[in-house]
Amino acid sequence: MPSRPATTTLWRPTGPKELDLVRDSGWRAWPPRLPEQPIFYPVLNEDYAIAIARDWNVKHDGAGFVTRFEVGTEFLSRYPVQQAGGRTILELWVPAEELEEFNTHIVGEIQVVHEFC
């Protein structure tokens, strides 16, 4: 039986509109970025994702969700970790034009792990 490639767990704070599009994909892909969104940024820390979903998405979208998903580690190596604040504020910056390819490296389904209203 072939072994499964190594994966890295990522989190994504999101609002209800984006989550609906993820649901429409069968929980397999992130939707294309809007013109004003040149970067897709999953985060490497669940607590950071919770803070964004709770403190930003709820305020701006009426609800916030934290999703968890796995991506092939080897593929992710092309995206250097970005420290967007304190030492635990870590993100990957995926250019919008690479998101379709990024989605093909998601292993399994995108899962909702926290919800805030």
Protein backbone atom coordinates (compact mmCIF):
# COMPACT_ATOMS: atom_id res chain seq x y z
CA MET A 1 0.00 0.00 0.00
CA PRO A 2 1.56 3.34 -1.02
CA SER A 3 2.21 5.81 1.77
CA ARG A 4 0.39 9.10 1.87
CA PRO A 5 2.60 12.12 1.19
CA ALA A 6 3.41 14.35 4.15
CA THR A 7 0.87 17.11 4.74
CA THR A 8 0.80 20.36 6.68
CA THR A 9 -2.27 21.51 8.59
CA LEU A 10 -3.45 25.00 7.71
CA TRP A 11 -6.30 27.12 9.03
CA ARG A 12 -8.34 29.78 7.28
CA PRO A 13 -10.57 32.31 9.01
CA THR A 14 -13.49 33.12 6.74
CA GLY A 15 -16.87 34.75 6.54
CA PRO A 16 -20.20 33.24 5.47
CA LYS A 17 -19.98 34.18 1.77
CA GLU A 18 -16.61 32.52 1.23
CA LEU A 19 -17.71 29.52 3.29
CA ASP A 20 -20.77 29.07 1.05
CA LEU A 21 -18.45 28.90 -1.98
CA VAL A 22 -16.24 26.33 -0.24
CA ARG A 23 -19.38 24.28 0.53
CA ASP A 24 -20.38 24.55 -3.15
CA SER A 25 -16.99 23.03 -4.09
CA GLY A 26 -17.79 19.93 -2.04
CA TRP A 27 -15.40 21.17 0.69
CA ARG A 28 -12.46 20.66 -1.70
CA ALA A 29 -11.40 24.12 -2.89
CA TRP A 30 -11.11 27.80 -2.07
CA PRO A 31 -12.91 30.18 -4.44
CA PRO A 32 -11.00 32.52 -6.75
CA ARG A 33 -9.93 35.78 -5.18
CA LEU A 34 -11.83 38.98 -5.92
CA PRO A 35 -9.94 41.68 -7.86
CA GLU A 36 -9.15 43.51 -4.61
CA GLN A 37 -7.75 40.29 -3.08
CA PRO A 38 -4.38 39.59 -4.74
CA ILE A 39 -3.34 37.10 -2.05
CA PHE A 40 -4.92 34.05 -0.44
CA TYR A 41 -3.52 33.70 3.05
CA PRO A 42 -4.04 30.54 5.05
CA VAL A 43 -2.52 30.69 8.53
CA LEU A 44 -0.30 28.26 10.43
CA ASN A 45 -1.77 28.73 13.89
CA GLU A 46 -5.29 27.84 15.02
CA ASP A 47 -5.35 30.52 17.74
CA TYR A 48 -4.50 33.22 15.18
CA ALA A 49 -7.31 31.97 12.91
CA ILE A 50 -9.75 32.04 15.84
CA ALA A 51 -8.81 35.63 16.68
CA ILE A 52 -9.39 36.79 13.08
CA ALA A 53 -12.70 34.92 12.70
CA ARG A 54 -14.01 36.10 16.08
CA ASP A 55 -12.69 39.68 16.08
CA TRP A 56 -12.76 40.64 12.38
CA ASN A 57 -15.13 38.37 10.43
CA VAL A 58 -17.95 38.67 12.98
CA LYS A 59 -17.64 42.47 13.00
CA HIS A 60 -17.52 42.78 9.18
CA ASP A 61 -19.58 39.78 8.01
CA GLY A 62 -21.92 39.00 10.92
CA ALA A 63 -20.30 35.59 11.48
CA GLY A 64 -16.85 34.08 11.42
CA PHE A 65 -15.64 30.57 10.83
CA VAL A 66 -12.33 28.79 11.27
CA THR A 67 -11.57 26.06 8.78
CA ARG A 68 -8.84 23.44 8.92
CA PHE A 69 -7.36 21.62 5.97
CA GLU A 70 -4.30 19.68 4.88
CA VAL A 71 -1.99 20.54 2.00
CA GLY A 72 0.98 18.59 0.68
CA THR A 73 4.07 19.76 2.58
CA GLU A 74 6.38 19.51 -0.41
CA PHE A 75 4.10 21.76 -2.48
CA LEU A 76 3.85 24.32 0.35
CA SER A 77 7.63 24.70 0.45
CA ARG A 78 7.35 27.19 -2.43
CA TYR A 79 5.60 29.66 -0.10
CA PRO A 80 7.87 31.13 2.60
CA VAL A 81 6.24 31.59 5.98
CA GLN A 82 5.34 35.25 6.54
CA GLN A 83 5.39 36.68 10.05
CA ALA A 84 2.52 39.19 10.00
CA GLY A 85 2.90 40.40 13.57
CA GLY A 86 4.01 38.62 16.73
CA ARG A 87 5.95 35.36 16.62
CA THR A 88 2.76 33.26 16.35
CA ILE A 89 1.14 35.43 13.66
CA LEU A 90 2.23 33.24 10.76
CA GLU A 91 0.71 33.10 7.27
CA LEU A 92 1.41 31.77 3.83
CA TRP A 93 0.90 34.24 0.99
CA VAL A 94 -0.44 32.46 -2.07
CA PRO A 95 -0.77 34.73 -5.11
CA ALA A 96 -4.34 34.74 -6.44
CA GLU A 97 -3.18 33.40 -9.81
CA GLU A 98 -1.77 30.29 -8.06
CA LEU A 99 -4.88 29.46 -6.01
CA GLU A 100 -6.30 27.00 -8.53
CA GLU A 101 -3.07 24.98 -8.41
CA PHE A 102 -2.96 25.34 -4.60
CA ASN A 103 -6.45 23.80 -4.43
CA THR A 104 -5.25 20.69 -6.31
CA HIS A 105 -2.81 20.03 -3.45
CA ILE A 106 -5.47 20.05 -0.71
CA VAL A 107 -5.61 16.56 0.79
CA GLY A 108 -9.07 15.55 1.97
CA GLU A 109 -11.83 18.03 2.79
CA ILE A 110 -11.84 21.52 4.22
CA GLN A 111 -13.47 21.30 7.66
CA VAL A 112 -15.20 23.95 9.77
CA VAL A 113 -13.76 23.68 13.29
CA HIS A 114 -15.07 26.88 14.97
CA GLU A 115 -18.04 29.20 14.41
CA PHE A 116 -18.61 32.66 15.88
CA CYS A 117 -21.73 34.84 15.62
